[in-house]
PDB file of all heavy atoms in Angstrom:
ATOM      1  N   ARG A   1      81.506  97.838  99.890  1.00  0.00           N
ATOM      2  CA  ARG A   1      81.047  98.503  98.669  1.00  0.00           C
ATOM      3  C   ARG A   1      81.570  99.935  98.597  1.00  0.00           C
ATOM      4  O   ARG A   1      81.959 100.423  97.527  1.00  0.00           O
ATOM      5  CB  ARG A   1      79.523  98.475  98.597  1.00  0.00           C
ATOM      6  CG  ARG A   1      78.950  97.076  98.330  1.00  0.00           C
ATOM      7  CD  ARG A   1      77.480  97.124  98.015  1.00  0.00           C
ATOM      8  NE  ARG A   1      76.667  97.577  99.135  1.00  0.00           N
ATOM      9  CZ  ARG A   1      76.181  96.779 100.084  1.00  0.00           C
ATOM     10  NH1 ARG A   1      76.422  95.469 100.036  1.00  0.00           N
ATOM     11  NH2 ARG A   1      75.446  97.268 101.064  1.00  0.00           N
ATOM     12  N   GLN A   2      81.589 100.635  99.748  1.00  0.00           N
ATOM     13  CA  GLN A   2      82.123 102.000  99.780  1.00  0.00           C
ATOM     14  C   GLN A   2      83.609 102.022  99.426  1.00  0.00           C
ATOM     15  O   GLN A   2      84.060 102.877  98.656  1.00  0.00           O
ATOM     16  CB  GLN A   2      81.905 102.611 101.168  1.00  0.00           C
ATOM     17  CG  GLN A   2      80.451 102.901 101.513  1.00  0.00           C
ATOM     18  CD  GLN A   2      80.289 103.363 102.955  1.00  0.00           C
ATOM     19  OE1 GLN A   2      81.184 103.197 103.786  1.00  0.00           O
ATOM     20  NE2 GLN A   2      79.125 103.941 103.269  1.00  0.00           N
ATOM     21  N   LEU A   3      84.363 101.082  99.999  1.00  0.00           N
ATOM     22  CA  LEU A   3      85.792 101.026  99.724  1.00  0.00           C
ATOM     23  C   LEU A   3      86.062 100.712  98.254  1.00  0.00           C
ATOM     24  O   LEU A   3      86.963 101.286  97.643  1.00  0.00           O
ATOM     25  CB  LEU A   3      86.460  99.969 100.615  1.00  0.00           C
ATOM     26  CG  LEU A   3      86.547 100.308 102.107  1.00  0.00           C
ATOM     27  CD1 LEU A   3      87.019  99.091 102.889  1.00  0.00           C
ATOM     28  CD2 LEU A   3      87.486 101.478 102.348  1.00  0.00           C
ATOM     29  N   LYS A   4      85.277  99.796  97.692  1.00  0.00           N
ATOM     30  CA  LYS A   4      85.444  99.462  96.279  1.00  0.00           C
ATOM     31  C   LYS A   4      85.213 100.690  95.392  1.00  0.00           C
ATOM     32  O   LYS A   4      85.938 100.919  94.424  1.00  0.00           O
ATOM     33  CB  LYS A   4      84.484  98.337  95.884  1.00  0.00           C
ATOM     34  CG  LYS A   4      84.909  96.952  96.365  1.00  0.00           C
ATOM     35  CD  LYS A   4      83.924  95.903  95.883  1.00  0.00           C
ATOM     36  CE  LYS A   4      84.380  94.498  96.265  1.00  0.00           C
ATOM     37  NZ  LYS A   4      83.405  93.466  95.800  1.00  0.00           N
ATOM     38  N   THR A   5      84.197 101.470  95.741  1.00  0.00           N
ATOM     39  CA  THR A   5      83.895 102.676  94.969  1.00  0.00           C
ATOM     40  C   THR A   5      85.057 103.666  95.037  1.00  0.00           C
ATOM     41  O   THR A   5      85.468 104.236  94.022  1.00  0.00           O
ATOM     42  CB  THR A   5      82.610 103.336  95.489  1.00  0.00           C
ATOM     43  OG1 THR A   5      81.518 102.417  95.374  1.00  0.00           O
ATOM     44  CG2 THR A   5      82.286 104.585  94.688  1.00  0.00           C
ATOM     45  N   ARG A   6      85.597 103.876  96.233  1.00  0.00           N
ATOM     46  CA  ARG A   6      86.729 104.797  96.387  1.00  0.00           C
ATOM     47  C   ARG A   6      87.961 104.306  95.624  1.00  0.00           C
ATOM     48  O   ARG A   6      88.653 105.091  94.977  1.00  0.00           O
ATOM     49  CB  ARG A   6      87.078 104.969  97.859  1.00  0.00           C
ATOM     50  CG  ARG A   6      86.044 105.756  98.658  1.00  0.00           C
ATOM     51  CD  ARG A   6      86.570 106.082 100.031  1.00  0.00           C
ATOM     52  NE  ARG A   6      85.621 106.807 100.839  1.00  0.00           N
ATOM     53  CZ  ARG A   6      85.865 107.248 102.069  1.00  0.00           C
ATOM     54  NH1 ARG A   6      87.051 107.042 102.618  1.00  0.00           N
ATOM     55  NH2 ARG A   6      84.951 107.907 102.742  1.00  0.00           N
ATOM     56  N   LEU A   7      88.226 102.995  95.721  1.00  0.00           N
ATOM     57  CA  LEU A   7      89.388 102.449  95.035  1.00  0.00           C
ATOM     58  C   LEU A   7      89.216 102.493  93.517  1.00  0.00           C
ATOM     59  O   LEU A   7      90.197 102.647  92.789  1.00  0.00           O
ATOM     60  CB  LEU A   7      89.659 101.015  95.495  1.00  0.00           C
ATOM     61  CG  LEU A   7      90.308 100.891  96.875  1.00  0.00           C
ATOM     62  CD1 LEU A   7      90.327  99.442  97.344  1.00  0.00           C
ATOM     63  CD2 LEU A   7      91.727 101.451  96.859  1.00  0.00           C
ATOM     64  N   GLU A   8      87.984 102.345  93.044  1.00  0.00           N
ATOM     65  CA  GLU A   8      87.730 102.481  91.612  1.00  0.00           C
ATOM     66  C   GLU A   8      88.056 103.895  91.137  1.00  0.00           C
ATOM     67  O   GLU A   8      88.577 104.088  90.034  1.00  0.00           O
ATOM     68  CB  GLU A   8      86.278 102.120  91.292  1.00  0.00           C
ATOM     69  CG  GLU A   8      85.988 100.623  91.348  1.00  0.00           C
ATOM     70  CD  GLU A   8      84.512 100.319  91.219  1.00  0.00           C
ATOM     71  OE1 GLU A   8      83.713 101.287  91.103  1.00  0.00           O
ATOM     72  OE2 GLU A   8      84.136  99.119  91.268  1.00  0.00           O
ATOM     73  N   GLN A   9      87.731 104.891  91.984  1.00  0.00           N
ATOM     74  CA  GLN A   9      88.065 106.272  91.644  1.00  0.00           C
ATOM     75  C   GLN A   9      89.577 106.475  91.598  1.00  0.00           C
ATOM     76  O   GLN A   9      90.100 107.124  90.686  1.00  0.00           O
ATOM     77  CB  GLN A   9      87.422 107.219  92.658  1.00  0.00           C
ATOM     78  CG  GLN A   9      85.900 107.216  92.637  1.00  0.00           C
ATOM     79  CD  GLN A   9      85.292 107.987  93.802  1.00  0.00           C
ATOM     80  OE1 GLN A   9      85.997 108.406  94.724  1.00  0.00           O
ATOM     81  NE2 GLN A   9      83.975 108.179  93.757  1.00  0.00           N
ATOM     82  N   VAL A  10      90.282 105.899  92.598  1.00  0.00           N
ATOM     83  CA  VAL A  10      91.744 105.991  92.614  1.00  0.00           C
ATOM     84  C   VAL A  10      92.330 105.284  91.400  1.00  0.00           C
ATOM     85  O   VAL A  10      93.254 105.781  90.751  1.00  0.00           O
ATOM     86  CB  VAL A  10      92.311 105.392  93.921  1.00  0.00           C
ATOM     87  CG1 VAL A  10      93.838 105.347  93.870  1.00  0.00           C
ATOM     88  CG2 VAL A  10      91.858 106.194  95.128  1.00  0.00           C
ATOM     89  N   ASP A  11      91.762 104.105  91.081  1.00  0.00           N
ATOM     90  CA  ASP A  11      92.254 103.328  89.954  1.00  0.00           C
ATOM     91  C   ASP A  11      92.019 104.053  88.634  1.00  0.00           C
ATOM     92  O   ASP A  11      92.853 103.982  87.720  1.00  0.00           O
ATOM     93  CB  ASP A  11      91.581 101.955  89.925  1.00  0.00           C
ATOM     94  CG  ASP A  11      92.182 101.025  88.886  1.00  0.00           C
ATOM     95  OD1 ASP A  11      93.416 100.992  88.761  1.00  0.00           O
ATOM     96  OD2 ASP A  11      91.414 100.328  88.203  1.00  0.00           O
ATOM     97  N   SER A  12      90.908 104.763  88.514  1.00  0.00           N
ATOM     98  CA  SER A  12      90.637 105.508  87.283  1.00  0.00           C
ATOM     99  C   SER A  12      91.658 106.619  87.088  1.00  0.00           C
ATOM    100  O   SER A  12      92.095 106.877  85.958  1.00  0.00           O
ATOM    101  CB  SER A  12      89.218 106.083  87.313  1.00  0.00           C
ATOM    102  OG  SER A  12      89.057 107.021  88.336  1.00  0.00           O
ATOM    103  N   ARG A  13      92.041 107.271  88.201  1.00  0.00           N
ATOM    104  CA  ARG A  13      93.078 108.302  88.103  1.00  0.00           C
ATOM    105  C   ARG A  13      94.423 107.682  87.714  1.00  0.00           C
ATOM    106  O   ARG A  13      95.166 108.239  86.905  1.00  0.00           O
ATOM    107  CB  ARG A  13      93.203 109.062  89.419  1.00  0.00           C
ATOM    108  CG  ARG A  13      92.022 109.967  89.725  1.00  0.00           C
ATOM    109  CD  ARG A  13      92.364 110.957  90.828  1.00  0.00           C
ATOM    110  NE  ARG A  13      92.616 110.308  92.097  1.00  0.00           N
ATOM    111  CZ  ARG A  13      91.688 110.053  93.011  1.00  0.00           C
ATOM    112  NH1 ARG A  13      90.416 110.389  92.785  1.00  0.00           N
ATOM    113  NH2 ARG A  13      92.004 109.477  94.154  1.00  0.00           N
ATOM    114  N   ARG A  14      94.729 106.515  88.297  1.00  0.00           N
ATOM    115  CA  ARG A  14      95.974 105.828  87.971  1.00  0.00           C
ATOM    116  C   ARG A  14      95.978 105.414  86.491  1.00  0.00           C
ATOM    117  O   ARG A  14      96.997 105.550  85.806  1.00  0.00           O
ATOM    118  CB  ARG A  14      96.138 104.598  88.874  1.00  0.00           C
ATOM    119  CG  ARG A  14      97.509 103.936  88.769  1.00  0.00           C
ATOM    120  CD  ARG A  14      97.534 102.675  89.628  1.00  0.00           C
ATOM    121  NE  ARG A  14      97.444 102.981  91.024  1.00  0.00           N
ATOM    122  CZ  ARG A  14      98.471 103.334  91.763  1.00  0.00           C
ATOM    123  NH1 ARG A  14      99.668 103.424  91.223  1.00  0.00           N
ATOM    124  NH2 ARG A  14      98.306 103.589  93.047  1.00  0.00           N
ATOM    125  N   THR A  15      94.830 104.910  86.009  1.00  0.00           N
ATOM    126  CA  THR A  15      94.716 104.519  84.608  1.00  0.00           C
ATOM    127  C   THR A  15      94.901 105.724  83.692  1.00  0.00           C
ATOM    128  O   THR A  15      95.558 105.633  82.658  1.00  0.00           O
ATOM    129  CB  THR A  15      93.349 103.853  84.347  1.00  0.00           C
ATOM    130  OG1 THR A  15      93.209 102.705  85.189  1.00  0.00           O
ATOM    131  CG2 THR A  15      93.225 103.427  82.891  1.00  0.00           C
ATOM    132  N   MET A  16      94.322 106.851  84.085  1.00  0.00           N
ATOM    133  CA  MET A  16      94.475 108.070  83.296  1.00  0.00           C
ATOM    134  C   MET A  16      95.943 108.501  83.224  1.00  0.00           C
ATOM    135  O   MET A  16      96.429 108.914  82.174  1.00  0.00           O
ATOM    136  CB  MET A  16      93.625 109.202  83.898  1.00  0.00           C
ATOM    137  CG  MET A  16      93.539 110.449  83.043  1.00  0.00           C
ATOM    138  SD  MET A  16      92.496 111.718  83.818  1.00  0.00           S
ATOM    139  CE  MET A  16      90.933 110.812  83.902  1.00  0.00           C
ATOM    140  N   ASN A  17      96.645 108.385  84.352  1.00  0.00           N
ATOM    141  CA  ASN A  17      98.068 108.734  84.368  1.00  0.00           C
ATOM    142  C   ASN A  17      98.869 107.824  83.433  1.00  0.00           C
ATOM    143  O   ASN A  17      99.779 108.273  82.732  1.00  0.00           O
ATOM    144  CB  ASN A  17      98.621 108.660  85.782  1.00  0.00           C
ATOM    145  CG  ASN A  17      98.091 109.759  86.683  1.00  0.00           C
ATOM    146  OD1 ASN A  17      97.695 110.824  86.211  1.00  0.00           O
ATOM    147  ND2 ASN A  17      98.073 109.518  87.989  1.00  0.00           N
ATOM    148  N   ARG A  18      98.520 106.511  83.440  1.00  0.00           N
ATOM    149  CA  ARG A  18      99.211 105.578  82.552  1.00  0.00           C
ATOM    150  C   ARG A  18      98.947 105.930  81.093  1.00  0.00           C
ATOM    151  O   ARG A  18      99.844 105.885  80.253  1.00  0.00           O
ATOM    152  CB  ARG A  18      98.771 104.130  82.834  1.00  0.00           C
ATOM    153  CG  ARG A  18      99.435 103.516  84.051  1.00  0.00           C
ATOM    154  CD  ARG A  18      99.288 101.997  84.044  1.00  0.00           C
ATOM    155  NE  ARG A  18      97.918 101.596  84.202  1.00  0.00           N
ATOM    156  CZ  ARG A  18      97.368 101.248  85.383  1.00  0.00           C
ATOM    157  NH1 ARG A  18      98.092 101.256  86.479  1.00  0.00           N
ATOM    158  NH2 ARG A  18      96.107 100.885  85.456  1.00  0.00           N
ATOM    159  N   GLN A  19      97.685 106.282  80.778  1.00  0.00           N
ATOM    160  CA  GLN A  19      97.349 106.653  79.413  1.00  0.00           C
ATOM    161  C   GLN A  19      98.096 107.909  78.973  1.00  0.00           C
ATOM    162  O   GLN A  19      98.532 108.010  77.827  1.00  0.00           O
ATOM    163  CB  GLN A  19      95.837 106.850  79.292  1.00  0.00           C
ATOM    164  CG  GLN A  19      95.036 105.555  79.426  1.00  0.00           C
ATOM    165  CD  GLN A  19      93.548 105.802  79.486  1.00  0.00           C
ATOM    166  OE1 GLN A  19      93.094 106.943  79.705  1.00  0.00           O
ATOM    167  NE2 GLN A  19      92.755 104.744  79.324  1.00  0.00           N
ATOM    168  N   ASN A  20      98.235 108.857  79.896  1.00  0.00           N
ATOM    169  CA  ASN A  20      98.983 110.073  79.578  1.00  0.00           C
ATOM    170  C   ASN A  20     100.452 109.752  79.287  1.00  0.00           C
ATOM    171  O   ASN A  20     101.065 110.357  78.395  1.00  0.00           O
ATOM    172  CB  ASN A  20      98.878 111.075  80.724  1.00  0.00           C
ATOM    173  CG  ASN A  20      97.488 111.670  80.859  1.00  0.00           C
ATOM    174  OD1 ASN A  20      96.722 111.711  79.897  1.00  0.00           O
ATOM    175  ND2 ASN A  20      97.144 112.136  82.056  1.00  0.00           N
ATOM    176  N   ARG A  21     101.018 108.810  80.043  1.00  0.00           N
ATOM    177  CA  ARG A  21     102.405 108.419  79.802  1.00  0.00           C
ATOM    178  C   ARG A  21     102.553 107.736  78.448  1.00  0.00           C
ATOM    179  O   ARG A  21     103.553 107.936  77.747  1.00  0.00           O
ATOM    180  CB  ARG A  21     102.897 107.497  80.923  1.00  0.00           C
ATOM    181  CG  ARG A  21     102.944 108.151  82.294  1.00  0.00           C
ATOM    182  CD  ARG A  21     103.860 107.388  83.228  1.00  0.00           C
ATOM    183  NE  ARG A  21     103.406 106.044  83.499  1.00  0.00           N
ATOM    184  CZ  ARG A  21     102.684 105.678  84.569  1.00  0.00           C
ATOM    185  NH1 ARG A  21     102.345 106.595  85.454  1.00  0.00           N
ATOM    186  NH2 ARG A  21     102.319 104.438  84.760  1.00  0.00           N
ATOM    187  N   VAL A  22     101.545 106.923  78.074  1.00  0.00           N
ATOM    188  CA  VAL A  22     101.589 106.257  76.768  1.00  0.00           C
ATOM    189  C   VAL A  22     101.529 107.291  75.652  1.00  0.00           C
ATOM    190  O   VAL A  22     102.272 107.214  74.675  1.00  0.00           O
ATOM    191  CB  VAL A  22     100.445 105.229  76.642  1.00  0.00           C
ATOM    192  CG1 VAL A  22     100.371 104.696  75.213  1.00  0.00           C
ATOM    193  CG2 VAL A  22     100.650 104.077  77.616  1.00  0.00           C
ATOM    194  N   ARG A  23     100.619 108.265  75.799  1.00  0.00           N
ATOM    195  CA  ARG A  23     100.506 109.306  74.775  1.00  0.00           C
ATOM    196  C   ARG A  23     101.789 110.131  74.675  1.00  0.00           C
ATOM    197  O   ARG A  23     102.159 110.588  73.594  1.00  0.00           O
ATOM    198  CB  ARG A  23      99.308 110.212  75.083  1.00  0.00           C
ATOM    199  CG  ARG A  23      97.965 109.584  74.736  1.00  0.00           C
ATOM    200  CD  ARG A  23      96.874 110.633  74.721  1.00  0.00           C
ATOM    201  NE  ARG A  23      96.590 111.126  76.052  1.00  0.00           N
ATOM    202  CZ  ARG A  23      95.655 110.614  76.854  1.00  0.00           C
ATOM    203  NH1 ARG A  23      94.920 109.589  76.439  1.00  0.00           N
ATOM    204  NH2 ARG A  23      95.434 111.130  78.052  1.00  0.00           N
ATOM    205  N   ALA A  24     102.446 110.335  75.802  1.00  0.00           N
ATOM    206  CA  ALA A  24     103.702 111.074  75.799  1.00  0.00           C
ATOM    207  C   ALA A  24     104.880 110.208  75.369  1.00  0.00           C
ATOM    208  O   ALA A  24     106.017 110.696  75.308  1.00  0.00           O
ATOM    209  CB  ALA A  24     103.975 111.662  77.190  1.00  0.00           C
ATOM    210  N   GLU A  25     104.590 108.919  75.070  1.00  0.00           N
ATOM    211  CA  GLU A  25     105.603 107.960  74.623  1.00  0.00           C
ATOM    212  C   GLU A  25     106.730 107.819  75.646  1.00  0.00           C
ATOM    213  O   GLU A  25     107.906 107.729  75.299  1.00  0.00           O
ATOM    214  CB  GLU A  25     106.163 108.339  73.256  1.00  0.00           C
ATOM    215  CG  GLU A  25     105.133 108.301  72.147  1.00  0.00           C
ATOM    216  CD  GLU A  25     105.731 108.506  70.773  1.00  0.00           C
ATOM    217  OE1 GLU A  25     106.900 108.924  70.698  1.00  0.00           O
ATOM    218  OE2 GLU A  25     105.053 108.236  69.771  1.00  0.00           O
ATOM    219  N   ILE A  26     106.346 107.804  76.921  1.00  0.00           N
ATOM    220  CA  ILE A  26     107.303 107.575  77.995  1.00  0.00           C
ATOM    221  C   ILE A  26     107.118 106.140  78.494  1.00  0.00           C
ATOM    222  O   ILE A  26     106.081 105.806  79.062  1.00  0.00           O
ATOM    223  CB  ILE A  26     107.108 108.565  79.166  1.00  0.00           C
ATOM    224  CG1 ILE A  26     107.217 110.004  78.670  1.00  0.00           C
ATOM    225  CG2 ILE A  26     108.133 108.300  80.259  1.00  0.00           C
ATOM    226  CD1 ILE A  26     106.948 111.033  79.749  1.00  0.00           C
ATOM    227  N   PRO A  27     108.076 105.263  78.275  1.00  0.00           N
ATOM    228  CA  PRO A  27     107.926 103.874  78.720  1.00  0.00           C
ATOM    229  C   PRO A  27     107.929 103.768  80.245  1.00  0.00           C
ATOM    230  O   PRO A  27     108.482 104.607  80.946  1.00  0.00           O
ATOM    231  CB  PRO A  27     109.150 103.177  78.110  1.00  0.00           C
ATOM    232  CG  PRO A  27     110.109 104.246  77.803  1.00  0.00           C
ATOM    233  CD  PRO A  27     109.358 105.507  77.591  1.00  0.00           C
ATOM    234  N   THR A  28     107.306 102.706  80.736  1.00  0.00           N
ATOM    235  CA  THR A  28     107.229 102.444  82.170  1.00  0.00           C
ATOM    236  C   THR A  28     108.042 101.200  82.511  1.00  0.00           C
ATOM    237  O   THR A  28     107.949 100.176  81.831  1.00  0.00           O
ATOM    238  CB  THR A  28     105.770 102.229  82.613  1.00  0.00           C
ATOM    239  OG1 THR A  28     105.011 103.404  82.335  1.00  0.00           O
ATOM    240  CG2 THR A  28     105.690 101.953  84.107  1.00  0.00           C
ATOM    241  N   VAL A  29     108.838 101.314  83.570  1.00  0.00           N
ATOM    242  CA  VAL A  29     109.628 100.198  84.083  1.00  0.00           C
ATOM    243  C   VAL A  29     109.151  99.914  85.503  1.00  0.00           C
ATOM    244  O   VAL A  29     109.135 100.804  86.350  1.00  0.00           O
ATOM    245  CB  VAL A  29     111.138 100.524  84.075  1.00  0.00           C
ATOM    246  CG1 VAL A  29     111.938  99.357  84.657  1.00  0.00           C
ATOM    247  CG2 VAL A  29     111.615 100.839  82.663  1.00  0.00           C
ATOM    248  N   ALA A  30     108.756  98.674  85.774  1.00  0.00           N
ATOM    249  CA  ALA A  30     108.232  98.297  87.083  1.00  0.00           C
ATOM    250  C   ALA A  30     109.259  97.471  87.849  1.00  0.00           C
ATOM    251  O   ALA A  30     109.850  96.537  87.303  1.00  0.00           O
ATOM    252  CB  ALA A  30     106.932  97.509  86.946  1.00  0.00           C
ATOM    253  N   LEU A  31     109.453  97.823  89.114  1.00  0.00           N
ATOM    254  CA  LEU A  31     110.299  97.055  90.015  1.00  0.00           C
ATOM    255  C   LEU A  31     109.442  96.031  90.752  1.00  0.00           C
ATOM    256  O   LEU A  31     108.507  96.405  91.466  1.00  0.00           O
ATOM    257  CB  LEU A  31     110.980  97.968  91.040  1.00  0.00           C
ATOM    258  CG  LEU A  31     112.349  98.565  90.705  1.00  0.00           C
ATOM    259  CD1 LEU A  31     112.770  99.519  91.819  1.00  0.00           C
ATOM    260  CD2 LEU A  31     113.392  97.491  90.542  1.00  0.00           C
ATOM    261  N   VAL A  32     109.751  94.761  90.595  1.00  0.00           N
ATOM    262  CA  VAL A  32     109.047  93.715  91.330  1.00  0.00           C
ATOM    263  C   VAL A  32     110.072  92.817  91.995  1.00  0.00           C
ATOM    264  O   VAL A  32     111.248  92.809  91.631  1.00  0.00           O
ATOM    265  CB  VAL A  32     108.112  92.880  90.422  1.00  0.00           C
ATOM    266  CG1 VAL A  32     107.150  93.766  89.657  1.00  0.00           C
ATOM    267  CG2 VAL A  32     108.915  92.015  89.461  1.00  0.00           C
TER     268      VAL A  32
END
């Protein structure tokens, strides 16, 4: 439960970064 909480915090920051990129109209390319 502790790890999930920490990862949710990390994920929220990652989501915020993605939203900022969308607002800045910078496309994302993923290497898989």
